[in-house]
Amino acid sequence: MPLINVFIVLIVLGFVLWLINNYIPMDRTINKILNIVVVIAVVIWLLQVFGMLDSIRSYTI
């Protein structure tokens, strides 16, 4: 995936999350949980896009 596409996806996701946080009334705890879930999903997606998730899976404990 080209780097410009990654930036576009991150900008769109950030804008959508901002819209949800500002214009949909929610309890603060639900809002925090939503933000945490989105951040974790984006980090996992970025690791997968840059190919680092496959190297993490190869480690055995």
N, C-alpha and C. Protein backbone atom coordinates (compact mmCIF):
# COMPACT_ATOMS: atom_id res chain seq x y z
N MET A 1 0.86 -1.17 0.00
CA MET A 1 0.00 0.00 0.00
C MET A 1 0.91 1.24 0.00
N PRO A 2 0.68 2.14 -0.94
CA PRO A 2 1.52 3.36 -0.98
C PRO A 2 1.35 4.20 0.28
N LEU A 3 2.39 4.93 0.59
CA LEU A 3 2.42 5.72 1.82
C LEU A 3 1.35 6.81 1.82
N ILE A 4 1.05 7.37 0.65
CA ILE A 4 0.02 8.42 0.58
C ILE A 4 -1.35 7.85 0.95
N ASN A 5 -1.61 6.61 0.58
CA ASN A 5 -2.88 5.98 0.95
C ASN A 5 -2.98 5.78 2.46
N VAL A 6 -1.88 5.46 3.09
CA VAL A 6 -1.86 5.29 4.55
C VAL A 6 -2.20 6.62 5.21
N PHE A 7 -1.58 7.71 4.73
CA PHE A 7 -1.87 9.03 5.30
C PHE A 7 -3.32 9.43 5.08
N ILE A 8 -3.86 9.14 3.92
CA ILE A 8 -5.25 9.48 3.63
C ILE A 8 -6.19 8.72 4.57
N VAL A 9 -5.93 7.44 4.76
CA VAL A 9 -6.76 6.63 5.66
C VAL A 9 -6.67 7.15 7.09
N LEU A 10 -5.46 7.50 7.54
CA LEU A 10 -5.30 8.03 8.90
C LEU A 10 -6.03 9.36 9.07
N ILE A 11 -5.97 10.22 8.07
CA ILE A 11 -6.66 11.51 8.14
C ILE A 11 -8.17 11.30 8.18
N VAL A 12 -8.68 10.41 7.33
CA VAL A 12 -10.13 10.16 7.30
C VAL A 12 -10.59 9.54 8.62
N LEU A 13 -9.84 8.58 9.14
CA LEU A 13 -10.21 7.97 10.42
C LEU A 13 -10.17 8.98 11.55
N GLY A 14 -9.17 9.83 11.57
CA GLY A 14 -9.09 10.86 12.59
C GLY A 14 -10.25 11.84 12.50
N PHE A 15 -10.62 12.21 11.29
CA PHE A 15 -11.74 13.13 11.10
C PHE A 15 -13.06 12.50 11.53
N VAL A 16 -13.26 11.22 11.18
CA VAL A 16 -14.49 10.54 11.58
C VAL A 16 -14.55 10.39 13.09
N LEU A 17 -13.44 10.06 13.72
CA LEU A 17 -13.42 9.94 15.18
C LEU A 17 -13.68 11.29 15.83
N TRP A 18 -13.14 12.37 15.27
CA TRP A 18 -13.40 13.71 15.78
C TRP A 18 -14.89 14.05 15.66
N LEU A 19 -15.49 13.72 14.51
CA LEU A 19 -16.92 13.98 14.33
C LEU A 19 -17.76 13.22 15.36
N ILE A 20 -17.41 11.96 15.57
CA ILE A 20 -18.16 11.15 16.53
C ILE A 20 -18.00 11.73 17.94
N ASN A 21 -16.78 12.13 18.30
CA ASN A 21 -16.53 12.66 19.64
C ASN A 21 -17.26 13.99 19.88
N ASN A 22 -17.38 14.80 18.85
CA ASN A 22 -17.96 16.13 19.04
C ASN A 22 -19.47 16.19 18.81
N TYR A 23 -20.01 15.38 17.95
CA TYR A 23 -21.41 15.55 17.55
C TYR A 23 -22.35 14.44 17.97
N ILE A 24 -21.84 13.35 18.52
CA ILE A 24 -22.72 12.28 19.02
C ILE A 24 -22.60 12.28 20.54
N PRO A 25 -23.71 12.57 21.22
CA PRO A 25 -23.64 12.61 22.69
C PRO A 25 -23.47 11.20 23.27
N MET A 26 -22.41 11.03 24.05
CA MET A 26 -22.12 9.75 24.69
C MET A 26 -21.61 10.00 26.10
N ASP A 27 -21.69 8.97 26.91
CA ASP A 27 -21.09 9.02 28.23
C ASP A 27 -19.57 9.06 28.06
N ARG A 28 -18.87 9.70 28.99
CA ARG A 28 -17.41 9.86 28.86
C ARG A 28 -16.68 8.52 28.85
N THR A 29 -17.17 7.55 29.63
CA THR A 29 -16.49 6.25 29.66
C THR A 29 -16.63 5.52 28.33
N ILE A 30 -17.82 5.59 27.73
CA ILE A 30 -18.02 4.96 26.43
C ILE A 30 -17.15 5.64 25.38
N ASN A 31 -17.05 6.96 25.48
CA ASN A 31 -16.23 7.71 24.54
C ASN A 31 -14.75 7.32 24.67
N LYS A 32 -14.27 7.17 25.89
CA LYS A 32 -12.88 6.76 26.10
C LYS A 32 -12.63 5.36 25.58
N ILE A 33 -13.58 4.44 25.83
CA ILE A 33 -13.44 3.07 25.34
C ILE A 33 -13.41 3.05 23.82
N LEU A 34 -14.28 3.83 23.18
CA LEU A 34 -14.30 3.92 21.72
C LEU A 34 -12.97 4.43 21.19
N ASN A 35 -12.44 5.47 21.81
CA ASN A 35 -11.15 6.02 21.37
C ASN A 35 -10.02 5.01 21.52
N ILE A 36 -10.01 4.29 22.63
CA ILE A 36 -8.96 3.29 22.86
C ILE A 36 -9.05 2.17 21.84
N VAL A 37 -10.27 1.70 21.56
CA VAL A 37 -10.45 0.62 20.58
C VAL A 37 -9.99 1.07 19.20
N VAL A 38 -10.33 2.29 18.82
CA VAL A 38 -9.93 2.80 17.51
C VAL A 38 -8.41 2.94 17.43
N VAL A 39 -7.78 3.45 18.47
CA VAL A 39 -6.32 3.60 18.46
C VAL A 39 -5.63 2.24 18.38
N ILE A 40 -6.10 1.25 19.13
CA ILE A 40 -5.50 -0.08 19.08
C ILE A 40 -5.69 -0.69 17.70
N ALA A 41 -6.88 -0.54 17.11
CA ALA A 41 -7.12 -1.08 15.77
C ALA A 41 -6.23 -0.41 14.73
N VAL A 42 -6.03 0.89 14.84
CA VAL A 42 -5.17 1.60 13.89
C VAL A 42 -3.72 1.18 14.05
N VAL A 43 -3.25 1.00 15.27
CA VAL A 43 -1.88 0.55 15.49
C VAL A 43 -1.66 -0.84 14.91
N ILE A 44 -2.60 -1.74 15.13
CA ILE A 44 -2.49 -3.09 14.57
C ILE A 44 -2.52 -3.04 13.05
N TRP A 45 -3.39 -2.20 12.49
CA TRP A 45 -3.46 -2.06 11.03
C TRP A 45 -2.15 -1.51 10.47
N LEU A 46 -1.57 -0.50 11.14
CA LEU A 46 -0.30 0.06 10.68
C LEU A 46 0.82 -0.97 10.76
N LEU A 47 0.85 -1.76 11.82
CA LEU A 47 1.86 -2.82 11.91
C LEU A 47 1.71 -3.82 10.77
N GLN A 48 0.48 -4.13 10.42
CA GLN A 48 0.23 -5.06 9.33
C GLN A 48 0.60 -4.45 7.98
N VAL A 49 0.28 -3.17 7.78
CA VAL A 49 0.59 -2.50 6.51
C VAL A 49 2.09 -2.45 6.28
N PHE A 50 2.86 -2.14 7.32
CA PHE A 50 4.30 -2.02 7.17
C PHE A 50 5.03 -3.36 7.31
N GLY A 51 4.29 -4.44 7.47
CA GLY A 51 4.89 -5.77 7.48
C GLY A 51 5.55 -6.15 8.78
N MET A 52 5.29 -5.43 9.83
CA MET A 52 5.93 -5.74 11.11
C MET A 52 5.14 -6.77 11.90
N LEU A 53 3.88 -6.94 11.57
CA LEU A 53 3.06 -7.89 12.32
C LEU A 53 3.48 -9.32 12.02
N ASP A 54 3.92 -9.59 10.80
CA ASP A 54 4.36 -10.93 10.46
C ASP A 54 5.63 -11.31 11.21
N SER A 55 6.53 -10.33 11.40
CA SER A 55 7.76 -10.64 12.14
C SER A 55 7.47 -10.83 13.62
N ILE A 56 6.45 -10.16 14.15
CA ILE A 56 6.08 -10.35 15.55
C ILE A 56 5.48 -11.73 15.75
N ARG A 57 4.71 -12.20 14.78
CA ARG A 57 4.09 -13.52 14.90
C ARG A 57 5.10 -14.65 14.86
N SER A 58 6.27 -14.41 14.26
CA SER A 58 7.26 -15.48 14.14
C SER A 58 7.98 -15.77 15.45
N TYR A 59 7.93 -14.86 16.43
CA TYR A 59 8.56 -15.10 17.72
C TYR A 59 7.76 -16.12 18.51
N THR A 60 8.47 -17.01 19.18
CA THR A 60 7.80 -17.97 20.05
C THR A 60 8.26 -17.73 21.48
N ILE A 61 7.37 -17.95 22.40
CA ILE A 61 7.69 -17.73 23.81
C ILE A 61 7.84 -19.07 24.48
